[in-house]
N, C-alpha and C. Protein backbone atom coordinates (compact mmCIF):
# COMPACT_ATOMS: atom_id res chain seq x y z
N VAL A 1 33.21 -65.02 232.25
CA VAL A 1 32.42 -64.79 233.45
C VAL A 1 33.21 -65.27 234.66
N CYS A 2 33.16 -64.51 235.71
CA CYS A 2 33.89 -64.82 236.94
C CYS A 2 33.25 -66.02 237.66
N PRO A 3 34.04 -67.01 238.05
CA PRO A 3 33.48 -68.18 238.73
C PRO A 3 32.87 -67.86 240.09
N THR A 4 33.26 -66.75 240.70
CA THR A 4 32.68 -66.39 242.01
C THR A 4 31.41 -65.57 241.87
N GLY A 5 31.10 -65.15 240.64
CA GLY A 5 29.91 -64.34 240.42
C GLY A 5 30.13 -62.85 240.65
N ALA A 6 31.38 -62.45 240.90
CA ALA A 6 31.67 -61.03 241.14
C ALA A 6 31.48 -60.21 239.88
N ILE A 7 31.72 -60.83 238.73
CA ILE A 7 31.53 -60.16 237.44
C ILE A 7 30.52 -60.98 236.65
N THR A 8 29.45 -60.36 236.24
CA THR A 8 28.42 -61.08 235.49
C THR A 8 28.52 -60.76 234.01
N LEU A 9 27.98 -61.64 233.21
CA LEU A 9 27.99 -61.47 231.77
C LEU A 9 26.98 -60.40 231.37
N PHE A 10 27.38 -59.53 230.45
CA PHE A 10 26.47 -58.54 229.90
C PHE A 10 26.81 -58.35 228.43
N SER A 11 25.84 -57.88 227.66
CA SER A 11 26.07 -57.69 226.23
C SER A 11 26.90 -56.44 226.00
N ILE A 12 27.58 -56.40 224.86
CA ILE A 12 28.39 -55.23 224.51
C ILE A 12 27.50 -54.00 224.35
N ASP A 13 26.26 -54.20 223.93
CA ASP A 13 25.33 -53.07 223.79
C ASP A 13 24.97 -52.46 225.14
N ALA A 14 25.00 -53.27 226.20
CA ALA A 14 24.65 -52.78 227.53
C ALA A 14 25.82 -52.07 228.21
N LYS A 15 27.04 -52.29 227.73
CA LYS A 15 28.22 -51.73 228.39
C LYS A 15 28.16 -50.21 228.56
N PRO A 16 27.81 -49.44 227.53
CA PRO A 16 27.79 -47.98 227.72
C PRO A 16 26.78 -47.50 228.75
N ASP A 17 25.78 -48.31 229.07
CA ASP A 17 24.76 -47.90 230.02
C ASP A 17 25.14 -48.20 231.47
N LEU A 18 26.30 -48.79 231.69
CA LEU A 18 26.77 -49.08 233.03
C LEU A 18 27.72 -47.98 233.48
N TYR A 19 27.47 -47.38 234.64
CA TYR A 19 28.37 -46.34 235.13
C TYR A 19 29.55 -47.01 235.80
N MET A 20 30.73 -46.81 235.21
CA MET A 20 31.92 -47.48 235.72
C MET A 20 33.00 -46.52 236.19
N GLY A 21 32.84 -45.25 235.91
CA GLY A 21 33.87 -44.28 236.28
C GLY A 21 33.86 -43.10 235.34
N THR A 22 35.01 -42.50 235.17
CA THR A 22 35.14 -41.31 234.33
C THR A 22 36.40 -41.41 233.49
N ALA A 23 36.30 -41.04 232.23
CA ALA A 23 37.46 -41.03 231.35
C ALA A 23 38.38 -39.87 231.74
N VAL A 24 39.68 -40.12 231.59
CA VAL A 24 40.70 -39.11 231.87
C VAL A 24 41.60 -39.02 230.65
N ILE A 25 41.87 -37.81 230.17
CA ILE A 25 42.72 -37.62 228.99
C ILE A 25 44.06 -37.04 229.42
N GLN A 26 45.13 -37.71 229.02
CA GLN A 26 46.49 -37.20 229.23
C GLN A 26 46.84 -36.41 227.97
N THR A 27 46.66 -35.10 228.00
CA THR A 27 46.77 -34.29 226.79
C THR A 27 48.19 -34.18 226.24
N GLU A 28 49.19 -34.57 227.02
CA GLU A 28 50.57 -34.46 226.53
C GLU A 28 50.77 -35.26 225.24
N ASN A 29 50.08 -36.40 225.11
CA ASN A 29 50.25 -37.25 223.93
C ASN A 29 49.09 -37.16 222.95
N CYS A 30 48.07 -36.41 223.29
CA CYS A 30 46.88 -36.31 222.44
C CYS A 30 47.23 -35.68 221.09
N TYR A 31 46.80 -36.33 220.02
CA TYR A 31 47.06 -35.81 218.68
C TYR A 31 46.49 -34.40 218.51
N LEU A 32 45.22 -34.22 218.87
CA LEU A 32 44.55 -32.94 218.67
C LEU A 32 45.21 -31.82 219.46
N ALA A 33 45.62 -32.11 220.68
CA ALA A 33 46.28 -31.10 221.51
C ALA A 33 47.68 -30.76 221.01
N ASN A 34 48.20 -31.60 220.12
CA ASN A 34 49.54 -31.39 219.57
C ASN A 34 49.50 -31.12 218.07
N ASN A 35 48.45 -30.40 217.65
CA ASN A 35 48.33 -29.92 216.25
C ASN A 35 48.22 -31.03 215.22
N ARG A 36 47.69 -32.19 215.61
CA ARG A 36 47.46 -33.27 214.65
C ARG A 36 45.96 -33.53 214.57
N GLU A 37 45.50 -33.83 213.40
CA GLU A 37 44.08 -34.01 213.18
C GLU A 37 43.57 -35.31 213.81
N CYS A 38 42.56 -35.22 214.65
CA CYS A 38 41.95 -36.40 215.27
C CYS A 38 40.73 -35.97 216.07
N ILE A 39 39.61 -36.66 215.86
CA ILE A 39 38.42 -36.44 216.68
C ILE A 39 37.76 -37.77 217.02
N LYS A 40 38.55 -38.84 217.02
CA LYS A 40 38.01 -40.18 217.24
C LYS A 40 37.29 -40.32 218.58
N CYS A 41 37.82 -39.71 219.63
CA CYS A 41 37.19 -39.84 220.96
C CYS A 41 35.79 -39.24 220.96
N ARG A 42 35.65 -38.07 220.36
CA ARG A 42 34.33 -37.42 220.34
C ARG A 42 33.35 -38.22 219.48
N GLU A 43 33.82 -38.74 218.36
CA GLU A 43 32.96 -39.53 217.50
C GLU A 43 32.49 -40.81 218.19
N ALA A 44 33.33 -41.39 219.03
CA ALA A 44 32.99 -42.66 219.70
C ALA A 44 32.05 -42.48 220.88
N CYS A 45 31.98 -41.29 221.45
CA CYS A 45 31.22 -41.07 222.68
C CYS A 45 29.74 -40.83 222.39
N LYS A 46 28.90 -41.79 222.74
CA LYS A 46 27.46 -41.63 222.49
C LYS A 46 26.80 -40.70 223.52
N TYR A 47 27.55 -40.31 224.54
CA TYR A 47 27.02 -39.42 225.58
C TYR A 47 27.44 -37.96 225.38
N ASN A 48 28.18 -37.67 224.31
CA ASN A 48 28.67 -36.32 224.03
C ASN A 48 29.45 -35.74 225.20
N ALA A 49 30.26 -36.59 225.84
CA ALA A 49 31.02 -36.17 227.01
C ALA A 49 32.39 -35.59 226.66
N VAL A 50 32.80 -35.69 225.40
CA VAL A 50 34.10 -35.16 224.99
C VAL A 50 33.89 -33.80 224.32
N GLU A 51 34.52 -32.79 224.88
CA GLU A 51 34.44 -31.44 224.32
C GLU A 51 35.82 -31.01 223.89
N PHE A 52 35.88 -30.16 222.88
CA PHE A 52 37.15 -29.60 222.42
C PHE A 52 37.16 -28.12 222.74
N LEU A 53 38.13 -27.71 223.51
CA LEU A 53 38.27 -26.31 223.92
C LEU A 53 39.52 -25.72 223.29
N PRO A 54 39.58 -24.40 223.13
CA PRO A 54 40.78 -23.78 222.55
C PRO A 54 42.02 -24.12 223.37
N GLY A 55 43.10 -24.48 222.67
CA GLY A 55 44.36 -24.81 223.33
C GLY A 55 45.26 -23.61 223.45
N SER A 56 46.55 -23.87 223.46
CA SER A 56 47.53 -22.81 223.68
C SER A 56 47.73 -21.91 222.47
N ASN A 57 47.31 -22.37 221.30
CA ASN A 57 47.37 -21.51 220.12
C ASN A 57 46.17 -21.80 219.23
N VAL A 58 46.07 -21.07 218.14
CA VAL A 58 44.91 -21.17 217.26
C VAL A 58 44.79 -22.54 216.61
N LEU A 59 45.91 -23.22 216.37
CA LEU A 59 45.89 -24.47 215.64
C LEU A 59 45.48 -25.68 216.46
N ASN A 60 45.73 -25.67 217.75
CA ASN A 60 45.41 -26.87 218.51
C ASN A 60 44.18 -26.70 219.40
N MET A 61 43.57 -27.82 219.73
CA MET A 61 42.40 -27.84 220.60
C MET A 61 42.72 -28.76 221.77
N LEU A 62 42.06 -28.51 222.88
CA LEU A 62 42.29 -29.29 224.09
C LEU A 62 41.05 -30.13 224.38
N PRO A 63 41.16 -31.46 224.32
CA PRO A 63 40.01 -32.30 224.63
C PRO A 63 39.77 -32.34 226.14
N VAL A 64 38.51 -32.23 226.53
CA VAL A 64 38.14 -32.25 227.94
C VAL A 64 36.93 -33.17 228.10
N ILE A 65 36.92 -33.95 229.17
CA ILE A 65 35.78 -34.82 229.47
C ILE A 65 34.80 -34.07 230.37
N ASP A 66 33.55 -34.02 229.94
CA ASP A 66 32.49 -33.44 230.77
C ASP A 66 32.03 -34.55 231.72
N THR A 67 32.42 -34.46 232.97
CA THR A 67 32.15 -35.52 233.94
C THR A 67 30.66 -35.65 234.27
N ARG A 68 29.87 -34.65 233.91
CA ARG A 68 28.43 -34.76 234.13
C ARG A 68 27.81 -35.74 233.14
N LYS A 69 28.48 -35.95 232.01
CA LYS A 69 27.94 -36.81 230.97
C LYS A 69 28.65 -38.16 230.87
N CYS A 70 29.91 -38.22 231.24
CA CYS A 70 30.71 -39.44 231.08
C CYS A 70 30.26 -40.54 232.03
N VAL A 71 30.06 -41.76 231.49
CA VAL A 71 29.70 -42.91 232.31
C VAL A 71 30.86 -43.88 232.48
N GLY A 72 31.99 -43.59 231.83
CA GLY A 72 33.15 -44.47 231.95
C GLY A 72 33.05 -45.73 231.12
N CYS A 73 32.34 -45.69 230.00
CA CYS A 73 32.13 -46.90 229.20
C CYS A 73 33.38 -47.36 228.48
N GLY A 74 34.33 -46.45 228.24
CA GLY A 74 35.58 -46.82 227.60
C GLY A 74 35.59 -46.73 226.09
N ALA A 75 34.50 -46.28 225.47
CA ALA A 75 34.45 -46.19 224.01
C ALA A 75 35.54 -45.26 223.48
N CYS A 76 35.77 -44.14 224.14
CA CYS A 76 36.80 -43.19 223.70
C CYS A 76 38.20 -43.78 223.90
N GLU A 77 38.38 -44.52 224.97
CA GLU A 77 39.67 -45.13 225.28
C GLU A 77 40.08 -46.13 224.19
N VAL A 78 39.14 -46.92 223.73
CA VAL A 78 39.41 -47.97 222.75
C VAL A 78 39.84 -47.39 221.40
N VAL A 79 39.25 -46.27 220.99
CA VAL A 79 39.53 -45.73 219.66
C VAL A 79 40.69 -44.74 219.61
N CYS A 80 41.22 -44.33 220.75
CA CYS A 80 42.28 -43.32 220.78
C CYS A 80 43.58 -43.86 220.19
N PRO A 81 44.04 -43.30 219.06
CA PRO A 81 45.27 -43.80 218.44
C PRO A 81 46.53 -43.46 219.23
N ALA A 82 46.46 -42.47 220.11
CA ALA A 82 47.62 -42.08 220.92
C ALA A 82 47.63 -42.78 222.28
N ALA A 83 46.60 -43.56 222.56
CA ALA A 83 46.47 -44.28 223.84
C ALA A 83 46.63 -43.33 225.03
N CYS A 84 46.02 -42.15 224.93
CA CYS A 84 46.16 -41.17 226.01
C CYS A 84 44.88 -41.02 226.83
N ILE A 85 43.91 -41.91 226.62
CA ILE A 85 42.67 -41.86 227.39
C ILE A 85 42.57 -43.14 228.22
N SER A 86 42.22 -42.97 229.47
CA SER A 86 41.96 -44.13 230.32
C SER A 86 40.74 -43.84 231.18
N VAL A 87 40.07 -44.90 231.57
CA VAL A 87 38.89 -44.74 232.42
C VAL A 87 39.29 -44.98 233.86
N MET A 88 39.02 -44.00 234.70
CA MET A 88 39.28 -44.11 236.12
C MET A 88 38.06 -44.77 236.74
N SER A 89 38.21 -46.04 237.12
CA SER A 89 37.07 -46.75 237.69
C SER A 89 36.83 -46.30 239.13
N LEU A 90 35.59 -46.34 239.52
CA LEU A 90 35.22 -45.87 240.84
C LEU A 90 34.53 -46.97 241.63
N MET A 91 34.87 -47.08 242.86
CA MET A 91 34.14 -47.97 243.75
C MET A 91 32.82 -47.28 244.08
N GLN A 92 31.79 -48.04 244.28
CA GLN A 92 30.46 -47.48 244.50
C GLN A 92 30.44 -46.41 245.58
N GLU A 93 31.11 -46.65 246.70
CA GLU A 93 31.08 -45.67 247.79
C GLU A 93 31.90 -44.43 247.50
N GLU A 94 32.81 -44.49 246.52
CA GLU A 94 33.65 -43.34 246.18
C GLU A 94 33.02 -42.45 245.12
N MET A 95 32.00 -42.92 244.43
CA MET A 95 31.46 -42.19 243.29
C MET A 95 31.07 -40.75 243.59
N PRO A 96 30.24 -40.48 244.58
CA PRO A 96 29.84 -39.08 244.78
C PRO A 96 31.02 -38.16 245.06
N GLN A 97 31.95 -38.56 245.91
CA GLN A 97 33.09 -37.71 246.25
C GLN A 97 34.01 -37.50 245.05
N ARG A 98 34.33 -38.56 244.34
CA ARG A 98 35.21 -38.44 243.17
C ARG A 98 34.55 -37.65 242.06
N GLN A 99 33.25 -37.85 241.87
CA GLN A 99 32.57 -37.12 240.80
C GLN A 99 32.53 -35.63 241.12
N LYS A 100 32.36 -35.28 242.38
CA LYS A 100 32.39 -33.87 242.77
C LYS A 100 33.76 -33.26 242.50
N LEU A 101 34.82 -34.00 242.80
CA LEU A 101 36.17 -33.52 242.53
C LEU A 101 36.40 -33.34 241.04
N ALA A 102 36.00 -34.33 240.24
CA ALA A 102 36.17 -34.23 238.79
C ALA A 102 35.36 -33.07 238.23
N GLN A 103 34.14 -32.88 238.74
CA GLN A 103 33.31 -31.77 238.27
C GLN A 103 33.93 -30.44 238.65
N SER A 104 34.52 -30.35 239.83
CA SER A 104 35.19 -29.13 240.26
C SER A 104 36.36 -28.80 239.35
N GLN A 105 37.13 -29.83 238.97
CA GLN A 105 38.26 -29.62 238.06
C GLN A 105 37.77 -29.17 236.70
N TYR A 106 36.70 -29.77 236.21
CA TYR A 106 36.11 -29.39 234.92
C TYR A 106 35.66 -27.92 234.97
N ASN A 107 34.97 -27.54 236.03
CA ASN A 107 34.50 -26.15 236.17
C ASN A 107 35.66 -25.16 236.21
N THR A 108 36.74 -25.52 236.88
CA THR A 108 37.92 -24.66 236.95
C THR A 108 38.49 -24.42 235.56
N VAL A 109 38.62 -25.49 234.77
CA VAL A 109 39.14 -25.36 233.40
C VAL A 109 38.21 -24.50 232.56
N MET A 110 36.90 -24.74 232.66
CA MET A 110 35.94 -23.97 231.87
C MET A 110 35.97 -22.49 232.24
N ASN A 111 36.03 -22.18 233.53
CA ASN A 111 36.07 -20.78 233.97
C ASN A 111 37.34 -20.09 233.49
N PHE A 112 38.47 -20.80 233.55
CA PHE A 112 39.74 -20.25 233.07
C PHE A 112 39.65 -19.92 231.58
N LEU A 113 39.13 -20.86 230.81
CA LEU A 113 39.05 -20.65 229.36
C LEU A 113 38.06 -19.55 229.00
N LYS A 114 36.94 -19.49 229.70
CA LYS A 114 35.97 -18.43 229.43
C LYS A 114 36.58 -17.06 229.71
N ALA A 115 37.32 -16.95 230.81
CA ALA A 115 37.96 -15.67 231.16
C ALA A 115 39.02 -15.31 230.13
N ARG A 116 39.73 -16.30 229.62
CA ARG A 116 40.79 -16.08 228.64
C ARG A 116 40.23 -15.62 227.30
N LEU A 117 39.05 -16.10 226.95
CA LEU A 117 38.45 -15.77 225.66
C LEU A 117 37.73 -14.43 225.68
N MET A 118 37.45 -13.90 226.85
CA MET A 118 36.73 -12.62 226.93
C MET A 118 37.66 -11.45 226.78
């Protein structure tokens, strides 16, 4: 616990219910995006914020964070064997603007993939 009171004690069970930011996946090192079997991030996420979309070929999948669901709890980050997930923390005043940007990026990826699959 912080002696100044800036950080208060909370239980590990309460951690996922605190909005702290948004997870970001660096797919260059992701096992699943590189044809290796792994779904640990999706299994760890109690908010179902990790989605797997078709990658560059039939064998690989591209993990994407749904920013509408992600609270930034870090559960996916902790279990990732490739250490390619990090939580981008947000200052309270930055949340709406950053979340809009992240949502816009998510929508762009989804629209691209939908067009590609049609």
